[in-house]
Amino acid sequence: MKYIKLSTSFNFGEVVSVIIASVLLPFLPETPIQLLVEGLLYDFGQLTLPFDNVDEDYLKEPRKFNIKSLKNFMLFMGPLSSAFDIIVFAILLLVFKLQDAATFQTIWFSYSIVSNLLGMHIIRTAKIPFVQSNAHKLVYFSSILLAVVGVVIPFTFLGNLIGLVPIPFEYLPVIILVPILYCFVALIAKKIYIRKYHEWI
């Protein structure tokens, strides 16, 4: 359920972001191959979730697969991640006045990977992550490793092969700080969701 809810909410949010950006931008926000590689990288991170620790209170009663719960989660958390994508777009376009397609695509590529892998720790538990609930070591390791890969890959031959370019230093705070801000807002959203639907994962 962690994997399914993570995937549906993040993918729904990204689809919404791509549609909005495709209308507003004079270029594609990401190319198809970049989207596929990005999805592959954070899917590798999510594949460690079968090894993850499960909160004790979640195991007190049997759980059933609930399509309505999945829909509610996707429609609640998906637009939230999309809103932060749009914040990134606005920063790049309005603050940095960025018009270079390759640089824009590269920043969003790296930002999306870091944001989704960090957001995974917010979504994996109904509690406060890192404080009240700790993930399995494999989940922590894969998140850190793949987030680093997501930032480093534009500087490599593989990154160049899929149209990415080295990220100028001044854009790195966007890739790091906006995902952290997303996590704080997602924690508040999680409390609202649990209060409304009396469930999380």
N, C-alpha and C. Protein backbone atom coordinates (compact mmCIF):
# COMPACT_ATOMS: atom_id res chain seq x y z
N MET A 1 0.83 -1.21 0.00
CA MET A 1 0.00 0.00 0.00
C MET A 1 0.86 1.26 0.00
N LYS A 2 1.99 1.20 0.71
CA LYS A 2 2.90 2.36 0.68
C LYS A 2 3.34 2.64 -0.75
N TYR A 3 3.78 1.59 -1.43
CA TYR A 3 4.28 1.76 -2.80
C TYR A 3 3.18 2.26 -3.73
N ILE A 4 2.00 1.66 -3.64
CA ILE A 4 0.90 2.02 -4.54
C ILE A 4 0.47 3.47 -4.31
N LYS A 5 0.31 3.85 -3.04
CA LYS A 5 -0.14 5.22 -2.75
C LYS A 5 0.94 6.25 -3.11
N LEU A 6 2.19 5.89 -2.86
CA LEU A 6 3.28 6.78 -3.26
C LEU A 6 3.28 6.99 -4.77
N SER A 7 3.24 5.89 -5.50
CA SER A 7 3.33 5.95 -6.96
C SER A 7 2.16 6.71 -7.57
N THR A 8 0.95 6.40 -7.13
CA THR A 8 -0.22 7.05 -7.73
C THR A 8 -0.25 8.54 -7.42
N SER A 9 0.08 8.91 -6.19
CA SER A 9 0.01 10.34 -5.84
C SER A 9 1.09 11.15 -6.54
N PHE A 10 2.34 10.64 -6.52
CA PHE A 10 3.43 11.37 -7.18
C PHE A 10 3.23 11.42 -8.69
N ASN A 11 2.83 10.29 -9.28
CA ASN A 11 2.65 10.26 -10.73
C ASN A 11 1.49 11.14 -11.17
N PHE A 12 0.41 11.13 -10.40
CA PHE A 12 -0.73 12.01 -10.71
C PHE A 12 -0.30 13.47 -10.64
N GLY A 13 0.43 13.80 -9.58
CA GLY A 13 0.92 15.18 -9.43
C GLY A 13 1.83 15.58 -10.57
N GLU A 14 2.69 14.67 -10.99
CA GLU A 14 3.62 15.01 -12.07
C GLU A 14 2.91 15.16 -13.41
N VAL A 15 1.90 14.33 -13.65
CA VAL A 15 1.12 14.47 -14.88
C VAL A 15 0.45 15.84 -14.93
N VAL A 16 -0.13 16.25 -13.81
CA VAL A 16 -0.77 17.58 -13.74
C VAL A 16 0.27 18.67 -14.00
N SER A 17 1.45 18.53 -13.41
CA SER A 17 2.51 19.52 -13.59
C SER A 17 2.96 19.60 -15.05
N VAL A 18 3.12 18.44 -15.69
CA VAL A 18 3.57 18.41 -17.09
C VAL A 18 2.53 19.08 -17.98
N ILE A 19 1.25 18.83 -17.72
CA ILE A 19 0.19 19.44 -18.53
C ILE A 19 0.21 20.95 -18.38
N ILE A 20 0.28 21.42 -17.13
CA ILE A 20 0.30 22.87 -16.88
C ILE A 20 1.53 23.51 -17.51
N ALA A 21 2.69 22.89 -17.30
CA ALA A 21 3.94 23.45 -17.84
C ALA A 21 3.95 23.43 -19.37
N SER A 22 3.38 22.40 -19.97
CA SER A 22 3.35 22.31 -21.43
C SER A 22 2.52 23.42 -22.05
N VAL A 23 1.52 23.88 -21.30
CA VAL A 23 0.67 24.97 -21.78
C VAL A 23 1.38 26.31 -21.62
N LEU A 24 2.09 26.48 -20.50
CA LEU A 24 2.68 27.78 -20.16
C LEU A 24 4.08 28.01 -20.73
N LEU A 25 4.83 26.92 -20.94
CA LEU A 25 6.22 27.07 -21.38
C LEU A 25 6.34 26.96 -22.89
N PRO A 26 7.34 27.62 -23.48
CA PRO A 26 7.57 27.51 -24.92
C PRO A 26 8.36 26.26 -25.31
N PHE A 27 8.65 25.40 -24.30
CA PHE A 27 9.38 24.15 -24.54
C PHE A 27 8.84 23.09 -23.59
N LEU A 28 9.16 21.82 -23.86
CA LEU A 28 8.73 20.74 -22.96
C LEU A 28 9.44 20.87 -21.62
N PRO A 29 8.71 20.74 -20.50
CA PRO A 29 9.36 20.83 -19.19
C PRO A 29 10.34 19.68 -18.95
N GLU A 30 10.08 18.54 -19.57
CA GLU A 30 11.00 17.40 -19.57
C GLU A 30 10.70 16.58 -20.82
N THR A 31 11.73 15.98 -21.37
CA THR A 31 11.53 15.12 -22.53
C THR A 31 11.04 13.74 -22.06
N PRO A 32 10.42 12.97 -22.94
CA PRO A 32 9.94 11.64 -22.54
C PRO A 32 11.03 10.76 -21.93
N ILE A 33 12.23 10.76 -22.53
CA ILE A 33 13.30 9.90 -22.00
C ILE A 33 13.74 10.36 -20.62
N GLN A 34 13.73 11.67 -20.38
CA GLN A 34 14.08 12.19 -19.06
C GLN A 34 13.05 11.77 -18.02
N LEU A 35 11.78 11.83 -18.38
CA LEU A 35 10.71 11.39 -17.47
C LEU A 35 10.85 9.92 -17.14
N LEU A 36 11.20 9.11 -18.14
CA LEU A 36 11.34 7.67 -17.92
C LEU A 36 12.52 7.36 -16.99
N VAL A 37 13.66 8.02 -17.22
CA VAL A 37 14.84 7.79 -16.37
C VAL A 37 14.56 8.28 -14.95
N GLU A 38 13.92 9.44 -14.84
CA GLU A 38 13.56 9.98 -13.52
C GLU A 38 12.66 9.01 -12.77
N GLY A 39 11.61 8.52 -13.45
CA GLY A 39 10.69 7.56 -12.83
C GLY A 39 11.39 6.28 -12.42
N LEU A 40 12.34 5.83 -13.26
CA LEU A 40 13.08 4.61 -12.97
C LEU A 40 13.92 4.78 -11.70
N LEU A 41 14.54 5.94 -11.55
CA LEU A 41 15.40 6.17 -10.38
C LEU A 41 14.61 6.17 -9.09
N TYR A 42 13.47 6.91 -9.03
CA TYR A 42 12.78 6.87 -7.74
C TYR A 42 11.94 5.63 -7.55
N ASP A 43 11.69 4.89 -8.65
CA ASP A 43 11.09 3.56 -8.47
C ASP A 43 12.07 2.61 -7.81
N PHE A 44 13.36 2.74 -8.13
CA PHE A 44 14.37 1.93 -7.46
C PHE A 44 14.35 2.20 -5.96
N GLY A 45 14.16 3.47 -5.58
CA GLY A 45 14.08 3.81 -4.17
C GLY A 45 12.86 3.20 -3.51
N GLN A 46 11.74 3.22 -4.21
CA GLN A 46 10.50 2.68 -3.65
C GLN A 46 10.52 1.15 -3.58
N LEU A 47 11.37 0.52 -4.39
CA LEU A 47 11.44 -0.95 -4.37
C LEU A 47 12.04 -1.48 -3.07
N THR A 48 12.61 -0.60 -2.25
CA THR A 48 13.11 -1.04 -0.94
C THR A 48 11.99 -1.06 0.11
N LEU A 49 10.81 -0.56 -0.24
CA LEU A 49 9.72 -0.49 0.74
C LEU A 49 9.25 -1.84 1.28
N PRO A 50 9.34 -2.95 0.51
CA PRO A 50 8.99 -4.25 1.11
C PRO A 50 9.83 -4.61 2.33
N PHE A 51 11.01 -4.00 2.44
CA PHE A 51 11.89 -4.26 3.60
C PHE A 51 11.63 -3.27 4.73
N ASP A 52 10.75 -2.31 4.50
CA ASP A 52 10.58 -1.21 5.45
C ASP A 52 9.95 -1.67 6.76
N ASN A 53 10.26 -0.93 7.82
CA ASN A 53 9.61 -1.15 9.11
C ASN A 53 8.15 -0.70 9.01
N VAL A 54 7.28 -1.38 9.75
CA VAL A 54 5.86 -1.03 9.77
C VAL A 54 5.49 -0.62 11.19
N ASP A 55 4.79 0.49 11.33
CA ASP A 55 4.38 0.96 12.66
C ASP A 55 3.49 -0.08 13.33
N GLU A 56 3.72 -0.29 14.63
CA GLU A 56 3.00 -1.34 15.36
C GLU A 56 1.49 -1.16 15.33
N ASP A 57 1.02 0.09 15.45
CA ASP A 57 -0.43 0.30 15.48
C ASP A 57 -1.09 -0.02 14.14
N TYR A 58 -0.31 -0.01 13.05
CA TYR A 58 -0.85 -0.37 11.74
C TYR A 58 -1.15 -1.86 11.66
N LEU A 59 -0.46 -2.65 12.49
CA LEU A 59 -0.59 -4.12 12.44
C LEU A 59 -1.63 -4.67 13.40
N LYS A 60 -2.35 -3.79 14.08
CA LYS A 60 -3.30 -4.26 15.10
C LYS A 60 -4.52 -4.93 14.51
N GLU A 61 -4.86 -4.60 13.27
CA GLU A 61 -6.03 -5.21 12.63
C GLU A 61 -5.75 -5.44 11.15
N PRO A 62 -6.43 -6.42 10.54
CA PRO A 62 -6.20 -6.70 9.11
C PRO A 62 -6.58 -5.49 8.25
N ARG A 63 -5.85 -5.32 7.15
CA ARG A 63 -6.10 -4.22 6.22
C ARG A 63 -6.60 -4.77 4.89
N LYS A 64 -7.53 -4.06 4.27
CA LYS A 64 -8.05 -4.46 2.97
C LYS A 64 -7.67 -3.41 1.93
N PHE A 65 -7.48 -3.88 0.70
CA PHE A 65 -7.22 -2.96 -0.40
C PHE A 65 -8.49 -2.19 -0.69
N ASN A 66 -8.41 -0.87 -0.67
CA ASN A 66 -9.59 -0.01 -0.77
C ASN A 66 -9.37 1.01 -1.90
N ILE A 67 -10.09 0.84 -3.00
CA ILE A 67 -9.94 1.73 -4.16
C ILE A 67 -10.34 3.16 -3.80
N LYS A 68 -11.39 3.32 -3.00
CA LYS A 68 -11.83 4.67 -2.63
C LYS A 68 -10.76 5.37 -1.82
N SER A 69 -10.11 4.64 -0.91
CA SER A 69 -9.02 5.20 -0.11
C SER A 69 -7.86 5.63 -1.01
N LEU A 70 -7.55 4.81 -1.99
CA LEU A 70 -6.47 5.11 -2.94
C LEU A 70 -6.80 6.37 -3.73
N LYS A 71 -8.05 6.48 -4.17
CA LYS A 71 -8.48 7.66 -4.94
C LYS A 71 -8.40 8.92 -4.09
N ASN A 72 -8.89 8.83 -2.85
CA ASN A 72 -8.83 9.99 -1.95
C ASN A 72 -7.40 10.45 -1.73
N PHE A 73 -6.53 9.49 -1.52
CA PHE A 73 -5.12 9.80 -1.26
C PHE A 73 -4.48 10.46 -2.48
N MET A 74 -4.72 9.89 -3.65
CA MET A 74 -4.15 10.41 -4.89
C MET A 74 -4.62 11.84 -5.17
N LEU A 75 -5.92 12.08 -4.97
CA LEU A 75 -6.49 13.40 -5.27
C LEU A 75 -6.13 14.43 -4.21
N PHE A 76 -5.72 13.98 -3.04
CA PHE A 76 -5.33 14.90 -1.96
C PHE A 76 -3.84 15.24 -2.04
N MET A 77 -2.99 14.21 -2.11
CA MET A 77 -1.55 14.43 -2.07
C MET A 77 -0.95 14.75 -3.44
N GLY A 78 -1.57 14.24 -4.51
CA GLY A 78 -1.05 14.50 -5.85
C GLY A 78 -0.99 15.99 -6.18
N PRO A 79 -2.10 16.72 -6.03
CA PRO A 79 -2.06 18.16 -6.31
C PRO A 79 -1.09 18.93 -5.42
N LEU A 80 -0.84 18.43 -4.20
CA LEU A 80 0.12 19.10 -3.32
C LEU A 80 1.52 19.05 -3.92
N SER A 81 1.93 17.88 -4.40
CA SER A 81 3.26 17.77 -5.02
C SER A 81 3.31 18.59 -6.30
N SER A 82 2.19 18.62 -7.03
CA SER A 82 2.12 19.42 -8.25
C SER A 82 2.27 20.92 -7.94
N ALA A 83 1.69 21.35 -6.83
CA ALA A 83 1.78 22.77 -6.44
C ALA A 83 3.24 23.17 -6.23
N PHE A 84 4.04 22.26 -5.66
CA PHE A 84 5.45 22.58 -5.45
C PHE A 84 6.24 22.52 -6.75
N ASP A 85 5.81 21.68 -7.69
CA ASP A 85 6.42 21.72 -9.02
C ASP A 85 6.21 23.10 -9.64
N ILE A 86 5.00 23.62 -9.50
CA ILE A 86 4.68 24.93 -10.06
C ILE A 86 5.47 26.03 -9.37
N ILE A 87 5.70 25.87 -8.05
CA ILE A 87 6.55 26.83 -7.33
C ILE A 87 7.96 26.84 -7.94
N VAL A 88 8.48 25.65 -8.24
CA VAL A 88 9.80 25.56 -8.87
C VAL A 88 9.78 26.24 -10.23
N PHE A 89 8.73 25.98 -11.02
CA PHE A 89 8.62 26.64 -12.33
C PHE A 89 8.64 28.15 -12.16
N ALA A 90 7.88 28.65 -11.21
CA ALA A 90 7.78 30.09 -10.99
C ALA A 90 9.12 30.69 -10.57
N ILE A 91 9.84 29.99 -9.70
CA ILE A 91 11.16 30.47 -9.27
C ILE A 91 12.11 30.55 -10.46
N LEU A 92 12.12 29.50 -11.28
CA LEU A 92 13.04 29.46 -12.41
C LEU A 92 12.70 30.54 -13.45
N LEU A 93 11.41 30.74 -13.68
CA LEU A 93 10.99 31.68 -14.73
C LEU A 93 10.96 33.12 -14.26
N LEU A 94 10.45 33.35 -13.04
CA LEU A 94 10.23 34.72 -12.58
C LEU A 94 11.39 35.29 -11.77
N VAL A 95 12.07 34.42 -11.01
CA VAL A 95 13.19 34.90 -10.18
C VAL A 95 14.51 34.84 -10.97
N PHE A 96 14.78 33.66 -11.56
CA PHE A 96 16.03 33.50 -12.29
C PHE A 96 15.92 33.89 -13.77
N LYS A 97 14.69 34.11 -14.24
CA LYS A 97 14.47 34.48 -15.66
C LYS A 97 15.08 33.44 -16.60
N LEU A 98 14.96 32.18 -16.22
CA LEU A 98 15.58 31.10 -16.99
C LEU A 98 14.78 30.80 -18.25
N GLN A 99 15.42 30.82 -19.40
CA GLN A 99 14.76 30.55 -20.67
C GLN A 99 15.40 29.39 -21.44
N ASP A 100 16.51 28.87 -20.91
CA ASP A 100 17.20 27.77 -21.59
C ASP A 100 16.50 26.44 -21.27
N ALA A 101 16.01 25.78 -22.31
CA ALA A 101 15.20 24.57 -22.13
C ALA A 101 15.99 23.46 -21.44
N ALA A 102 17.22 23.22 -21.86
CA ALA A 102 18.01 22.12 -21.30
C ALA A 102 18.28 22.32 -19.82
N THR A 103 18.62 23.54 -19.43
CA THR A 103 18.88 23.82 -18.01
C THR A 103 17.60 23.67 -17.19
N PHE A 104 16.49 24.19 -17.72
CA PHE A 104 15.20 24.07 -17.04
C PHE A 104 14.84 22.60 -16.84
N GLN A 105 14.96 21.80 -17.89
CA GLN A 105 14.62 20.38 -17.82
C GLN A 105 15.51 19.65 -16.81
N THR A 106 16.78 20.01 -16.80
CA THR A 106 17.73 19.36 -15.88
C THR A 106 17.40 19.67 -14.43
N ILE A 107 17.09 20.92 -14.14
CA ILE A 107 16.76 21.31 -12.76
C ILE A 107 15.50 20.59 -12.30
N TRP A 108 14.48 20.55 -13.16
CA TRP A 108 13.25 19.86 -12.75
C TRP A 108 13.48 18.37 -12.60
N PHE A 109 14.31 17.78 -13.46
CA PHE A 109 14.67 16.37 -13.36
C PHE A 109 15.26 16.06 -11.99
N SER A 110 16.30 16.82 -11.60
CA SER A 110 16.96 16.56 -10.32
C SER A 110 16.05 16.90 -9.14
N TYR A 111 15.33 18.01 -9.25
CA TYR A 111 14.40 18.40 -8.18
C TYR A 111 13.35 17.31 -7.95
N SER A 112 12.78 16.78 -9.02
CA SER A 112 11.71 15.79 -8.90
C SER A 112 12.19 14.54 -8.18
N ILE A 113 13.40 14.10 -8.50
CA ILE A 113 13.96 12.90 -7.86
C ILE A 113 14.18 13.14 -6.37
N VAL A 114 14.82 14.25 -6.04
CA VAL A 114 15.08 14.57 -4.63
C VAL A 114 13.77 14.74 -3.86
N SER A 115 12.82 15.46 -4.46
CA SER A 115 11.54 15.73 -3.80
C SER A 115 10.76 14.44 -3.55
N ASN A 116 10.70 13.56 -4.55
CA ASN A 116 9.93 12.32 -4.40
C ASN A 116 10.57 11.37 -3.40
N LEU A 117 11.88 11.29 -3.40
CA LEU A 117 12.56 10.40 -2.46
C LEU A 117 12.47 10.92 -1.03
N LEU A 118 12.53 12.23 -0.86
CA LEU A 118 12.35 12.82 0.47
C LEU A 118 10.89 12.72 0.91
N GLY A 119 9.98 12.98 -0.03
CA GLY A 119 8.56 12.89 0.27
C GLY A 119 8.12 11.47 0.63
N MET A 120 8.84 10.48 0.11
CA MET A 120 8.53 9.09 0.42
C MET A 120 8.56 8.84 1.93
N HIS A 121 9.45 9.53 2.63
CA HIS A 121 9.58 9.32 4.07
C HIS A 121 8.42 9.99 4.84
N ILE A 122 7.82 11.01 4.25
CA ILE A 122 6.64 11.61 4.86
C ILE A 122 5.44 10.69 4.70
N ILE A 123 5.34 10.09 3.53
CA ILE A 123 4.16 9.29 3.20
C ILE A 123 4.22 7.88 3.77
N ARG A 124 5.41 7.34 4.02
CA ARG A 124 5.53 5.94 4.43
C ARG A 124 4.95 5.65 5.81
N THR A 125 4.66 6.68 6.59
CA THR A 125 4.14 6.48 7.94
C THR A 125 3.13 7.58 8.29
N ALA A 126 2.17 7.22 9.13
CA ALA A 126 1.21 8.22 9.61
C ALA A 126 1.83 9.10 10.70
N LYS A 127 2.98 8.68 11.21
CA LYS A 127 3.65 9.41 12.29
C LYS A 127 4.64 10.42 11.70
N ILE A 128 5.39 11.09 12.60
CA ILE A 128 6.41 12.02 12.15
C ILE A 128 7.66 11.22 11.79
N PRO A 129 8.08 11.23 10.52
CA PRO A 129 9.25 10.44 10.14
C PRO A 129 10.52 10.96 10.80
N PHE A 130 11.48 10.07 10.94
CA PHE A 130 12.79 10.37 11.54
C PHE A 130 12.72 10.62 13.04
N VAL A 131 11.51 10.86 13.57
CA VAL A 131 11.35 11.15 15.00
C VAL A 131 10.52 10.05 15.67
N GLN A 132 9.28 9.89 15.21
CA GLN A 132 8.38 8.89 15.80
C GLN A 132 8.44 7.56 15.05
N SER A 133 8.90 7.56 13.81
CA SER A 133 8.93 6.34 13.01
C SER A 133 10.17 6.37 12.11
N ASN A 134 10.99 5.35 12.24
CA ASN A 134 12.19 5.25 11.42
C ASN A 134 12.04 4.19 10.33
N ALA A 135 12.51 4.52 9.15
CA ALA A 135 12.48 3.57 8.05
C ALA A 135 13.58 2.52 8.23
N HIS A 136 13.48 1.45 7.44
CA HIS A 136 14.54 0.44 7.42
C HIS A 136 15.81 1.07 6.85
N LYS A 137 16.95 0.53 7.25
CA LYS A 137 18.24 1.07 6.77
C LYS A 137 18.35 1.05 5.26
N LEU A 138 17.77 0.02 4.62
CA LEU A 138 17.81 -0.06 3.15
C LEU A 138 17.06 1.10 2.51
N VAL A 139 15.94 1.50 3.13
CA VAL A 139 15.14 2.61 2.61
C VAL A 139 15.92 3.91 2.74
N TYR A 140 16.56 4.12 3.89
CA TYR A 140 17.39 5.32 4.08
C TYR A 140 18.55 5.33 3.07
N PHE A 141 19.22 4.20 2.95
CA PHE A 141 20.39 4.11 2.07
C PHE A 141 20.02 4.40 0.63
N SER A 142 18.95 3.75 0.15
CA SER A 142 18.55 3.94 -1.25
C SER A 142 18.09 5.37 -1.51
N SER A 143 17.41 5.98 -0.54
CA SER A 143 16.94 7.36 -0.70
C SER A 143 18.12 8.32 -0.84
N ILE A 144 19.11 8.17 0.03
CA ILE A 144 20.28 9.05 -0.01
C ILE A 144 21.07 8.83 -1.30
N LEU A 145 21.33 7.56 -1.60
CA LEU A 145 22.12 7.22 -2.79
C LEU A 145 21.47 7.74 -4.06
N LEU A 146 20.16 7.50 -4.23
CA LEU A 146 19.48 7.88 -5.47
C LEU A 146 19.26 9.38 -5.57
N ALA A 147 19.10 10.05 -4.42
CA ALA A 147 19.01 11.52 -4.44
C ALA A 147 20.33 12.12 -4.92
N VAL A 148 21.44 11.55 -4.44
CA VAL A 148 22.76 12.01 -4.89
C VAL A 148 22.93 11.72 -6.39
N VAL A 149 22.52 10.54 -6.82
CA VAL A 149 22.60 10.18 -8.24
C VAL A 149 21.78 11.16 -9.08
N GLY A 150 20.59 11.52 -8.58
CA GLY A 150 19.72 12.45 -9.30
C GLY A 150 20.34 13.82 -9.51
N VAL A 151 21.17 14.24 -8.56
CA VAL A 151 21.85 15.54 -8.68
C VAL A 151 23.12 15.43 -9.51
N VAL A 152 23.80 14.30 -9.42
CA VAL A 152 25.10 14.12 -10.09
C VAL A 152 24.95 13.73 -11.56
N ILE A 153 23.90 13.01 -11.89
CA ILE A 153 23.77 12.45 -13.25
C ILE A 153 23.83 13.50 -14.37
N PRO A 154 23.34 14.74 -14.16
CA PRO A 154 23.48 15.74 -15.25
C PRO A 154 24.93 16.07 -15.59
N PHE A 155 25.86 15.77 -14.69
CA PHE A 155 27.27 16.06 -14.92
C PHE A 155 28.00 14.89 -15.61
N THR A 156 27.27 13.83 -15.92
CA THR A 156 27.88 12.62 -16.48
C THR A 156 27.53 12.44 -17.96
N PHE A 157 28.20 11.47 -18.57
CA PHE A 157 27.93 11.14 -19.97
C PHE A 157 26.48 10.68 -20.15
N LEU A 158 25.98 9.89 -19.20
CA LEU A 158 24.60 9.41 -19.30
C LEU A 158 23.62 10.59 -19.29
N GLY A 159 23.89 11.57 -18.42
CA GLY A 159 23.03 12.74 -18.39
C GLY A 159 23.03 13.47 -19.72
N ASN A 160 24.21 13.66 -20.28
CA ASN A 160 24.31 14.32 -21.59
C ASN A 160 23.57 13.53 -22.67
N LEU A 161 23.61 12.21 -22.54
CA LEU A 161 22.97 11.33 -23.52
C LEU A 161 21.46 11.53 -23.56
N ILE A 162 20.85 11.88 -22.42
CA ILE A 162 19.39 12.08 -22.38
C ILE A 162 19.02 13.57 -22.37
N GLY A 163 19.98 14.41 -22.71
CA GLY A 163 19.68 15.83 -22.88
C GLY A 163 19.83 16.70 -21.64
N LEU A 164 20.44 16.16 -20.58
CA LEU A 164 20.67 16.95 -19.37
C LEU A 164 21.99 17.70 -19.49
N VAL A 165 22.10 18.78 -18.76
CA VAL A 165 23.33 19.59 -18.77
C VAL A 165 23.78 19.83 -17.34
N PRO A 166 25.08 20.13 -17.12
CA PRO A 166 25.55 20.43 -15.76
C PRO A 166 24.74 21.57 -15.14
N ILE A 167 24.38 21.41 -13.87
CA ILE A 167 23.54 22.40 -13.19
C ILE A 167 24.40 23.53 -12.63
N PRO A 168 24.13 24.78 -13.02
CA PRO A 168 24.86 25.90 -12.42
C PRO A 168 24.63 25.93 -10.91
N PHE A 169 25.67 26.30 -10.16
CA PHE A 169 25.66 26.25 -8.70
C PHE A 169 24.48 27.01 -8.09
N GLU A 170 24.11 28.16 -8.69
CA GLU A 170 23.08 29.01 -8.09
C GLU A 170 21.70 28.35 -8.06
N TYR A 171 21.50 27.27 -8.84
CA TYR A 171 20.21 26.61 -8.87
C TYR A 171 20.10 25.45 -7.87
N LEU A 172 21.22 25.06 -7.28
CA LEU A 172 21.21 23.93 -6.35
C LEU A 172 20.30 24.15 -5.13
N PRO A 173 20.22 25.39 -4.57
CA PRO A 173 19.29 25.59 -3.45
C PRO A 173 17.83 25.26 -3.80
N VAL A 174 17.44 25.49 -5.05
CA VAL A 174 16.08 25.15 -5.48
C VAL A 174 15.86 23.65 -5.36
N ILE A 175 16.86 22.88 -5.78
CA ILE A 175 16.75 21.42 -5.79
C ILE A 175 16.75 20.86 -4.36
N ILE A 176 17.38 21.55 -3.44
CA ILE A 176 17.50 21.05 -2.06
C ILE A 176 16.45 21.65 -1.12
N LEU A 177 16.27 22.97 -1.18
CA LEU A 177 15.42 23.65 -0.20
C LEU A 177 13.93 23.49 -0.47
N VAL A 178 13.52 23.50 -1.74
CA VAL A 178 12.09 23.35 -2.04
C VAL A 178 11.56 21.98 -1.59
N PRO A 179 12.28 20.87 -1.83
CA PRO A 179 11.81 19.58 -1.29
C PRO A 179 11.69 19.57 0.23
N ILE A 180 12.60 20.26 0.93
CA ILE A 180 12.50 20.33 2.39
C ILE A 180 11.25 21.09 2.80
N LEU A 181 10.97 22.20 2.11
CA LEU A 181 9.75 22.95 2.37
C LEU A 181 8.51 22.10 2.08
N TYR A 182 8.56 21.33 0.99
CA TYR A 182 7.45 20.42 0.66
C TYR A 182 7.18 19.45 1.81
N CYS A 183 8.24 18.94 2.41
CA CYS A 183 8.06 17.97 3.50
C CYS A 183 7.34 18.58 4.70
N PHE A 184 7.69 19.80 5.05
CA PHE A 184 7.01 20.46 6.18
C PHE A 184 5.53 20.70 5.87
N VAL A 185 5.24 21.13 4.65
CA VAL A 185 3.85 21.35 4.26
C VAL A 185 3.11 20.01 4.18
N ALA A 186 3.79 18.97 3.68
CA ALA A 186 3.17 17.64 3.58
C ALA A 186 2.84 17.07 4.96
N LEU A 187 3.66 17.39 5.96
CA LEU A 187 3.36 16.95 7.34
C LEU A 187 2.05 17.56 7.83
N ILE A 188 1.84 18.84 7.51
CA ILE A 188 0.58 19.51 7.88
C ILE A 188 -0.58 18.91 7.11
N ALA A 189 -0.35 18.67 5.81
CA ALA A 189 -1.40 18.07 4.97
C ALA A 189 -1.76 16.68 5.48
N LYS A 190 -0.76 15.95 5.96
CA LYS A 190 -1.01 14.60 6.48
C LYS A 190 -1.94 14.64 7.69
N LYS A 191 -1.71 15.60 8.57
CA LYS A 191 -2.58 15.74 9.74
C LYS A 191 -4.02 16.05 9.33
N ILE A 192 -4.17 16.92 8.34
CA ILE A 192 -5.50 17.29 7.85
C ILE A 192 -6.18 16.08 7.23
N TYR A 193 -5.41 15.32 6.42
CA TYR A 193 -5.97 14.13 5.76
C TYR A 193 -6.42 13.10 6.79
N ILE A 194 -5.59 12.84 7.78
CA ILE A 194 -5.93 11.84 8.80
C ILE A 194 -7.15 12.28 9.60
N ARG A 195 -7.24 13.57 9.89
CA ARG A 195 -8.40 14.09 10.61
C ARG A 195 -9.68 13.94 9.77
N LYS A 196 -9.54 14.10 8.47
CA LYS A 196 -10.71 14.03 7.59
C LYS A 196 -11.14 12.60 7.29
N TYR A 197 -10.17 11.73 6.97
CA TYR A 197 -10.47 10.36 6.51
C TYR A 197 -10.21 9.29 7.56
N HIS A 198 -9.61 9.66 8.68
CA HIS A 198 -9.33 8.74 9.78
C HIS A 198 -8.46 7.55 9.34
N GLU A 199 -7.54 7.83 8.42
CA GLU A 199 -6.59 6.80 7.95
C GLU A 199 -5.44 7.50 7.27
N TRP A 200 -4.40 6.74 6.94
CA TRP A 200 -3.32 7.27 6.14
C TRP A 200 -2.96 6.25 5.07
N ILE A 201 -2.03 5.37 5.37
CA ILE A 201 -1.68 4.33 4.39
C ILE A 201 -2.65 3.16 4.52
